[in-house]
Amino acid sequence: MTDFWLIILLAGGLTYAIRLSFIALHGRWQAPQWFVRALRYVPVAVLSAIILPELLVVDGQVLLSPINPRLLAGTAAILIAWRSRNVFLTIAGGMLFLYLFQFLLG
């Protein structure tokens, strides 16, 4: 049990140090241009890492078929986002399609 708390404290301390480093270095350090360009892709990468497993994994197994309601709703949400460029409409439409597909597919 002490290992668990040690890991939690170390993870928290490391997270705090990383965030503090950006605050402390603000204005004192100029990041290389390649680094600044790479930072633009971080939100997309993080969001993809969070969302894709939720869309593709059902009951611990990857399910790439038309009977996967999450995958169908995610595809619908992507199309809504692409056409509308509206975050709220994308969320609402994705939720609506998820409920619809879950109802239809069981």
Protein backbone atom coordinates (compact mmCIF):
# COMPACT_ATOMS: atom_id res chain seq x y z
CA MET A 1 0.00 0.00 0.00
CA THR A 2 2.88 2.36 0.65
CA ASP A 3 4.11 1.77 -2.92
CA PHE A 4 0.75 2.98 -4.19
CA TRP A 5 0.98 6.27 -2.28
CA LEU A 6 4.61 6.73 -3.26
CA ILE A 7 3.68 6.38 -6.92
CA ILE A 8 0.78 8.83 -6.49
CA LEU A 9 3.06 11.39 -4.78
CA LEU A 10 5.79 11.00 -7.40
CA ALA A 11 3.32 11.33 -10.28
CA GLY A 12 1.77 14.41 -8.68
CA GLY A 13 5.17 15.96 -8.01
CA LEU A 14 6.36 15.28 -11.53
CA THR A 15 3.18 16.77 -13.02
CA TYR A 16 3.55 19.84 -10.82
CA ALA A 17 7.22 20.26 -11.78
CA ILE A 18 6.46 20.02 -15.50
CA ARG A 19 3.74 22.64 -15.28
CA LEU A 20 5.83 24.89 -13.05
CA SER A 21 8.74 24.70 -15.48
CA PHE A 22 6.67 26.25 -18.26
CA ILE A 23 5.48 29.02 -15.94
CA ALA A 24 8.97 29.71 -14.56
CA LEU A 25 10.58 29.75 -18.00
CA HIS A 26 7.94 31.98 -19.58
CA GLY A 27 9.70 34.96 -21.14
CA ARG A 28 13.19 33.66 -20.27
CA TRP A 29 13.48 30.93 -22.87
CA GLN A 30 12.66 31.02 -26.55
CA ALA A 31 11.52 27.61 -27.79
CA PRO A 32 12.88 26.42 -31.13
CA GLN A 33 10.51 26.87 -34.06
CA TRP A 34 10.19 23.10 -34.62
CA PHE A 35 9.09 22.70 -31.00
CA VAL A 36 6.44 25.41 -31.32
CA ARG A 37 5.12 23.81 -34.53
CA ALA A 38 5.00 20.39 -32.86
CA LEU A 39 2.99 21.78 -29.91
CA ARG A 40 0.10 22.55 -32.26
CA TYR A 41 -0.51 18.81 -32.69
CA VAL A 42 -0.58 17.94 -28.97
CA PRO A 43 -4.33 18.61 -28.41
CA VAL A 44 -5.31 16.50 -31.43
CA ALA A 45 -3.04 13.66 -30.35
CA VAL A 46 -4.30 13.68 -26.76
CA LEU A 47 -7.95 13.85 -27.81
CA SER A 48 -7.43 10.99 -30.27
CA ALA A 49 -5.75 8.88 -27.58
CA ILE A 50 -8.73 9.42 -25.29
CA ILE A 51 -11.55 9.00 -27.81
CA LEU A 52 -10.39 6.21 -30.16
CA PRO A 53 -10.30 3.42 -27.55
CA GLU A 54 -13.82 4.40 -26.47
CA LEU A 55 -15.06 4.13 -30.05
CA LEU A 56 -13.29 0.94 -31.04
CA VAL A 57 -13.20 -1.24 -27.91
CA VAL A 58 -16.38 -2.99 -26.74
CA ASP A 59 -16.21 -5.44 -23.81
CA GLY A 60 -12.42 -5.48 -23.97
CA GLN A 61 -12.24 -6.39 -27.66
CA VAL A 62 -11.73 -4.25 -30.74
CA LEU A 63 -14.98 -4.21 -32.69
CA LEU A 64 -14.74 -2.76 -36.19
CA SER A 65 -18.15 -3.65 -37.51
CA PRO A 66 -21.45 -2.00 -38.37
CA ILE A 67 -22.98 -3.35 -35.15
CA ASN A 68 -20.72 -1.16 -32.97
CA PRO A 69 -22.99 1.74 -31.93
CA ARG A 70 -20.08 3.79 -30.56
CA LEU A 71 -18.20 3.59 -33.84
CA LEU A 72 -21.30 4.53 -35.82
CA ALA A 73 -22.08 7.46 -33.51
CA GLY A 74 -18.45 8.59 -33.61
CA THR A 75 -18.49 8.52 -37.39
CA ALA A 76 -21.71 10.55 -37.39
CA ALA A 77 -20.17 13.06 -34.97
CA ILE A 78 -17.10 13.40 -37.20
CA LEU A 79 -19.33 14.13 -40.19
CA ILE A 80 -21.36 16.66 -38.19
CA ALA A 81 -18.15 18.38 -37.02
CA TRP A 82 -16.76 18.44 -40.54
CA ARG A 83 -19.91 19.97 -42.04
CA SER A 84 -20.99 22.33 -39.25
CA ARG A 85 -17.73 23.31 -37.48
CA ASN A 86 -19.91 23.67 -34.37
CA VAL A 87 -18.73 21.98 -31.16
CA PHE A 88 -22.11 21.99 -29.43
CA LEU A 89 -23.92 20.62 -32.47
CA THR A 90 -21.27 17.91 -32.80
CA ILE A 91 -21.66 16.83 -29.16
CA ALA A 92 -25.44 16.90 -29.27
CA GLY A 93 -25.58 15.06 -32.60
CA GLY A 94 -23.06 12.45 -31.47
CA MET A 95 -25.03 11.80 -28.29
CA LEU A 96 -28.30 11.61 -30.19
CA PHE A 97 -26.85 9.14 -32.71
CA LEU A 98 -25.29 7.07 -29.91
CA TYR A 99 -28.64 6.71 -28.15
CA LEU A 100 -30.36 5.96 -31.45
CA PHE A 101 -27.83 3.30 -32.49
CA GLN A 102 -27.85 1.72 -29.02
CA PHE A 103 -31.64 1.52 -29.18
CA LEU A 104 -31.65 0.08 -32.70
CA LEU A 105 -28.76 -2.35 -32.27
CA GLY A 106 -29.50 -3.40 -28.72
